[in-house]
Amino acid sequence: MTCQSALARRESRGSHYRSDYPDRDEAEWLCNILLRETPDGVPEIWNEMVEFSRLQPELS
């Protein structure tokens, strides 16, 4: 599941560098990738945007 979430993120961020997506994309990928296994054993993957309650990130 860790590998699936890393492959779902189509950008480079932190220790997750991808040569096919070498740059960060704050507008699209400032989110958490969540996974769970369905009853039939298939992973379900979805994104939830990060909610900032105190500080706002500097988007470039």
C-alpha atoms as a PDB file:
ATOM      1  CA  MET A   1       0.000   0.000   0.000  1.00  0.00           C
ATOM      2  CA  THR A   2       2.903   2.334   0.663  1.00  0.00           C
ATOM      3  CA  CYS A   3       4.181   1.831  -2.878  1.00  0.00           C
ATOM      4  CA  GLN A   4       0.716   2.395  -4.326  1.00  0.00           C
ATOM      5  CA  SER A   5       0.344   5.712  -2.509  1.00  0.00           C
ATOM      6  CA  ALA A   6       3.826   6.791  -3.635  1.00  0.00           C
ATOM      7  CA  LEU A   7       2.955   5.984  -7.248  1.00  0.00           C
ATOM      8  CA  ALA A   8      -0.372   7.818  -6.948  1.00  0.00           C
ATOM      9  CA  ARG A   9       1.445  11.078  -6.114  1.00  0.00           C
ATOM     10  CA  ARG A  10       2.446  12.551  -9.468  1.00  0.00           C
ATOM     11  CA  GLU A  11       5.085  14.952  -8.168  1.00  0.00           C
ATOM     12  CA  SER A  12       8.307  14.946  -6.148  1.00  0.00           C
ATOM     13  CA  ARG A  13       8.048  15.880  -2.467  1.00  0.00           C
ATOM     14  CA  GLY A  14      10.440  15.271   0.393  1.00  0.00           C
ATOM     15  CA  SER A  15      11.959  11.821   0.208  1.00  0.00           C
ATOM     16  CA  HIS A  16       9.593  10.834  -2.607  1.00  0.00           C
ATOM     17  CA  TYR A  17      11.521  11.881  -5.705  1.00  0.00           C
ATOM     18  CA  ARG A  18      10.163  10.830  -9.078  1.00  0.00           C
ATOM     19  CA  SER A  19      12.221  11.354 -12.222  1.00  0.00           C
ATOM     20  CA  ASP A  20       9.013  11.407 -14.297  1.00  0.00           C
ATOM     21  CA  TYR A  21       7.583  14.189 -12.066  1.00  0.00           C
ATOM     22  CA  PRO A  22      10.675  16.056 -10.781  1.00  0.00           C
ATOM     23  CA  ASP A  23       8.881  19.176  -9.476  1.00  0.00           C
ATOM     24  CA  ARG A  24       6.493  19.890  -6.628  1.00  0.00           C
ATOM     25  CA  ASP A  25       2.926  20.810  -7.537  1.00  0.00           C
ATOM     26  CA  GLU A  26       1.390  22.600  -4.561  1.00  0.00           C
ATOM     27  CA  ALA A  27      -1.867  23.448  -6.323  1.00  0.00           C
ATOM     28  CA  GLU A  28      -2.662  19.825  -7.159  1.00  0.00           C
ATOM     29  CA  TRP A  29      -0.808  17.788  -4.544  1.00  0.00           C
ATOM     30  CA  LEU A  30      -0.974  19.664  -1.241  1.00  0.00           C
ATOM     31  CA  CYS A  31      -3.030  16.747   0.051  1.00  0.00           C
ATOM     32  CA  ASN A  32      -2.904  13.500   1.958  1.00  0.00           C
ATOM     33  CA  ILE A  33      -3.235  10.267   0.024  1.00  0.00           C
ATOM     34  CA  LEU A  34      -5.402   7.837   1.951  1.00  0.00           C
ATOM     35  CA  LEU A  35      -5.751   4.106   1.387  1.00  0.00           C
ATOM     36  CA  ARG A  36      -7.821   1.302   2.764  1.00  0.00           C
ATOM     37  CA  GLU A  37      -8.342  -2.271   1.776  1.00  0.00           C
ATOM     38  CA  THR A  38     -11.865  -3.107   0.635  1.00  0.00           C
ATOM     39  CA  PRO A  39     -13.528  -6.331   1.842  1.00  0.00           C
ATOM     40  CA  ASP A  40     -12.582  -8.036  -1.433  1.00  0.00           C
ATOM     41  CA  GLY A  41      -8.912  -7.154  -0.905  1.00  0.00           C
ATOM     42  CA  VAL A  42      -8.653  -4.348  -3.461  1.00  0.00           C
ATOM     43  CA  PRO A  43      -6.993  -1.136  -2.232  1.00  0.00           C
ATOM     44  CA  GLU A  44      -9.121   1.999  -2.384  1.00  0.00           C
ATOM     45  CA  ILE A  45      -7.107   5.215  -2.862  1.00  0.00           C
ATOM     46  CA  TRP A  46      -8.349   8.799  -2.497  1.00  0.00           C
ATOM     47  CA  ASN A  47      -6.972  12.260  -1.747  1.00  0.00           C
ATOM     48  CA  GLU A  48      -8.007  14.758   0.914  1.00  0.00           C
ATOM     49  CA  MET A  49      -6.758  18.308   0.732  1.00  0.00           C
ATOM     50  CA  VAL A  50      -4.789  19.505   3.748  1.00  0.00           C
ATOM     51  CA  GLU A  51      -6.784  21.936   5.890  1.00  0.00           C
ATOM     52  CA  PHE A  52      -4.713  24.785   7.291  1.00  0.00           C
ATOM     53  CA  SER A  53      -6.302  26.299  10.383  1.00  0.00           C
ATOM     54  CA  ARG A  54      -3.464  28.547  11.588  1.00  0.00           C
ATOM     55  CA  LEU A  55      -0.858  29.026   8.887  1.00  0.00           C
ATOM     56  CA  GLN A  56      -1.225  29.208   5.134  1.00  0.00           C
ATOM     57  CA  PRO A  57       1.495  27.767   2.898  1.00  0.00           C
ATOM     58  CA  GLU A  58       3.374  29.924   0.433  1.00  0.00           C
ATOM     59  CA  LEU A  59       2.401  28.599  -2.971  1.00  0.00           C
ATOM     60  CA  SER A  60       4.916  29.198  -5.718  1.00  0.00           C
END
